[in-house]
Amino acid sequence: MARTYLVVIDDSPEARVALRFAARRAAKVDGEVDILAVVEPQDFVQWGGVQAAIEEEQRLRIEGIVAASVGEIMSAAGITPEIIVRQGDPVAAVRGHIGTREDVAALVLGAAPGGKPGPLVAHFTGHDCGRLPIPVMIIPGGLSDDQLEMLS
């Protein structure tokens, strides 16, 4: 069974660094990459149609980010990732995906080069540290392509 690296992506630069790392790592071990994008539900809007339009706009924006990153992966590593878009809580989405896939070898998250860690990094290295059935790889968002190549 091929090793699959799960990357959670948003529009942050550190998420793209994590994606490049996962693609390079997967290419070296003949593995695969799953890209998970999570659209968070909007607060209550009086008219359901307006809320649905807001959520669809978010979904399209995230799919655009993912599509741009997919092109990068395909040219750099020669692999085609699976793209998964979920709505809801990001932690629950990650757990749900890992729970349905036996081939996921690691969760790959990007860490911002400065400031507080993002919610997923904080969650999976704090409260939920050690509770996942797979390792969590935290990739510093400030790494260069050469550094990523050496590490992967």
Protein backbone atom coordinates (compact mmCIF):
# COMPACT_ATOMS: atom_id res chain seq x y z
CA MET A 1 0.00 0.00 0.00
CA ALA A 2 1.38 3.43 -0.95
CA ARG A 3 2.08 5.97 1.77
CA THR A 4 -0.21 8.97 1.58
CA TYR A 5 0.64 12.34 3.09
CA LEU A 6 -2.36 14.41 4.15
CA VAL A 7 -1.88 18.18 3.78
CA VAL A 8 -4.42 20.71 5.02
CA ILE A 9 -4.33 23.73 2.75
CA ASP A 10 -5.61 27.26 2.96
CA ASP A 11 -4.41 30.48 1.36
CA SER A 12 -1.38 30.86 3.66
CA PRO A 13 2.22 30.67 2.38
CA GLU A 14 3.09 28.09 5.05
CA ALA A 15 0.39 25.74 3.74
CA ARG A 16 1.99 25.86 0.31
CA VAL A 17 5.40 25.08 1.85
CA ALA A 18 3.87 22.07 3.62
CA LEU A 19 2.34 20.97 0.31
CA ARG A 20 5.68 21.21 -1.50
CA PHE A 21 7.33 19.17 1.27
CA ALA A 22 4.62 16.49 1.11
CA ALA A 23 4.87 16.30 -2.69
CA ARG A 24 8.64 15.89 -2.59
CA ARG A 25 8.45 13.31 0.19
CA ALA A 26 5.75 11.35 -1.63
CA ALA A 27 7.78 11.40 -4.84
CA LYS A 28 10.83 9.98 -3.03
CA VAL A 29 8.92 7.11 -1.40
CA ASP A 30 6.59 6.41 -4.33
CA GLY A 31 3.70 7.73 -2.25
CA GLU A 32 0.69 9.94 -2.73
CA VAL A 33 -0.67 13.24 -1.45
CA ASP A 34 -4.17 14.04 -0.24
CA ILE A 35 -5.02 17.73 -0.06
CA LEU A 36 -7.75 18.67 2.40
CA ALA A 37 -9.35 22.10 2.16
CA VAL A 38 -11.92 22.99 4.79
CA VAL A 39 -14.65 25.56 4.23
CA GLU A 40 -15.84 26.77 7.61
CA PRO A 41 -19.61 27.26 7.85
CA GLN A 42 -20.84 30.82 8.03
CA ASP A 43 -22.62 32.29 11.03
CA PHE A 44 -26.38 32.31 10.69
CA VAL A 45 -27.66 34.43 7.83
CA GLN A 46 -31.37 35.25 7.78
CA TRP A 47 -31.90 34.06 4.22
CA GLY A 48 -30.66 30.57 3.44
CA GLY A 49 -29.88 31.46 -0.18
CA VAL A 50 -27.49 34.22 0.91
CA GLN A 51 -25.72 31.85 3.30
CA ALA A 52 -25.42 29.19 0.58
CA ALA A 53 -23.94 31.76 -1.82
CA ILE A 54 -21.36 32.86 0.78
CA GLU A 55 -20.36 29.26 1.47
CA GLU A 56 -20.14 28.46 -2.27
CA GLU A 57 -17.90 31.51 -2.78
CA GLN A 58 -15.57 30.25 -0.04
CA ARG A 59 -15.55 26.78 -1.59
CA LEU A 60 -14.62 28.19 -5.03
CA ARG A 61 -11.85 30.32 -3.51
CA ILE A 62 -10.34 27.32 -1.71
CA GLU A 63 -10.66 25.12 -4.79
CA GLY A 64 -8.78 27.82 -6.75
CA ILE A 65 -5.96 27.79 -4.20
CA VAL A 66 -5.83 24.01 -4.33
CA ALA A 67 -5.85 23.98 -8.15
CA ALA A 68 -2.88 26.37 -8.25
CA SER A 69 -0.99 24.14 -5.84
CA VAL A 70 -1.85 21.00 -7.79
CA GLY A 71 -0.13 22.39 -10.87
CA GLU A 72 2.95 23.03 -8.77
CA ILE A 73 2.96 19.46 -7.47
CA MET A 74 2.43 17.89 -10.85
CA SER A 75 5.37 19.70 -12.40
CA ALA A 76 7.71 19.40 -9.41
CA ALA A 77 7.03 15.84 -8.27
CA GLY A 78 5.16 14.17 -11.11
CA ILE A 79 2.25 13.04 -8.95
CA THR A 80 -1.46 13.77 -9.01
CA PRO A 81 -2.91 14.47 -5.57
CA GLU A 82 -6.42 13.72 -4.42
CA ILE A 83 -8.27 16.93 -3.54
CA ILE A 84 -10.87 16.78 -0.79
CA VAL A 85 -13.03 19.79 0.10
CA ARG A 86 -15.02 19.52 3.32
CA GLN A 87 -17.26 21.92 5.17
CA GLY A 88 -17.18 22.31 8.93
CA ASP A 89 -14.69 22.23 11.75
CA PRO A 90 -11.10 21.73 10.47
CA VAL A 91 -10.10 19.42 13.33
CA ALA A 92 -13.15 17.22 12.76
CA ALA A 93 -12.49 17.20 9.01
CA VAL A 94 -8.89 16.03 9.54
CA ARG A 95 -9.95 13.33 12.00
CA GLY A 96 -12.76 12.23 9.70
CA HIS A 97 -10.45 11.87 6.71
CA ILE A 98 -7.80 9.99 8.66
CA GLY A 99 -10.50 7.71 10.06
CA THR A 100 -11.63 6.65 6.59
CA ARG A 101 -8.22 6.08 5.01
CA GLU A 102 -5.81 3.37 6.15
CA ASP A 103 -3.10 4.54 3.74
CA VAL A 104 -2.57 7.99 5.32
CA ALA A 105 0.97 7.83 6.70
CA ALA A 106 1.30 11.36 8.14
CA LEU A 107 -0.49 14.66 8.64
CA VAL A 108 1.62 17.46 7.18
CA LEU A 109 0.96 20.97 8.49
CA GLY A 110 2.71 24.25 7.75
CA ALA A 111 3.78 26.53 10.58
CA ALA A 112 3.96 30.29 10.15
CA PRO A 113 7.52 31.65 10.38
CA GLY A 114 6.49 33.92 13.24
CA GLY A 115 3.71 34.49 15.73
CA LYS A 116 1.36 32.05 17.35
CA PRO A 117 0.74 28.68 15.71
CA GLY A 118 -2.40 28.24 13.67
CA PRO A 119 -5.38 26.39 15.11
CA LEU A 120 -4.54 22.99 13.60
CA VAL A 121 -0.89 23.10 14.64
CA ALA A 122 -1.91 24.24 18.12
CA HIS A 123 -4.56 21.53 18.40
CA PHE A 124 -2.56 18.56 17.14
CA THR A 125 0.59 19.51 19.07
CA GLY A 126 -1.23 20.56 22.22
CA HIS A 127 -4.51 19.13 23.39
CA ASP A 128 -4.58 16.23 20.92
CA CYS A 129 -0.84 15.54 20.87
CA GLY A 130 -0.27 11.81 20.65
CA ARG A 131 -3.89 10.87 20.01
CA LEU A 132 -3.71 10.49 16.24
CA PRO A 133 -2.85 7.08 14.80
CA ILE A 134 -0.26 8.74 12.52
CA PRO A 135 2.65 11.17 12.99
CA VAL A 136 2.16 14.91 12.61
CA MET A 137 4.85 16.64 10.55
CA ILE A 138 5.11 20.37 11.12
CA ILE A 139 6.96 22.12 8.33
CA PRO A 140 8.35 25.62 9.07
CA GLY A 141 6.79 28.04 6.61
CA GLY A 142 10.04 29.93 6.07
CA LEU A 143 11.97 27.03 4.51
CA SER A 144 13.42 27.52 1.05
CA ASP A 145 12.96 25.02 -1.77
CA ASP A 146 16.55 23.85 -1.27
CA GLN A 147 15.94 23.26 2.43
CA LEU A 148 12.72 21.39 1.64
CA GLU A 149 14.58 19.21 -0.84
CA MET A 150 17.21 18.31 1.76
CA LEU A 151 14.60 17.50 4.42
CA SER A 152 12.27 15.46 2.26
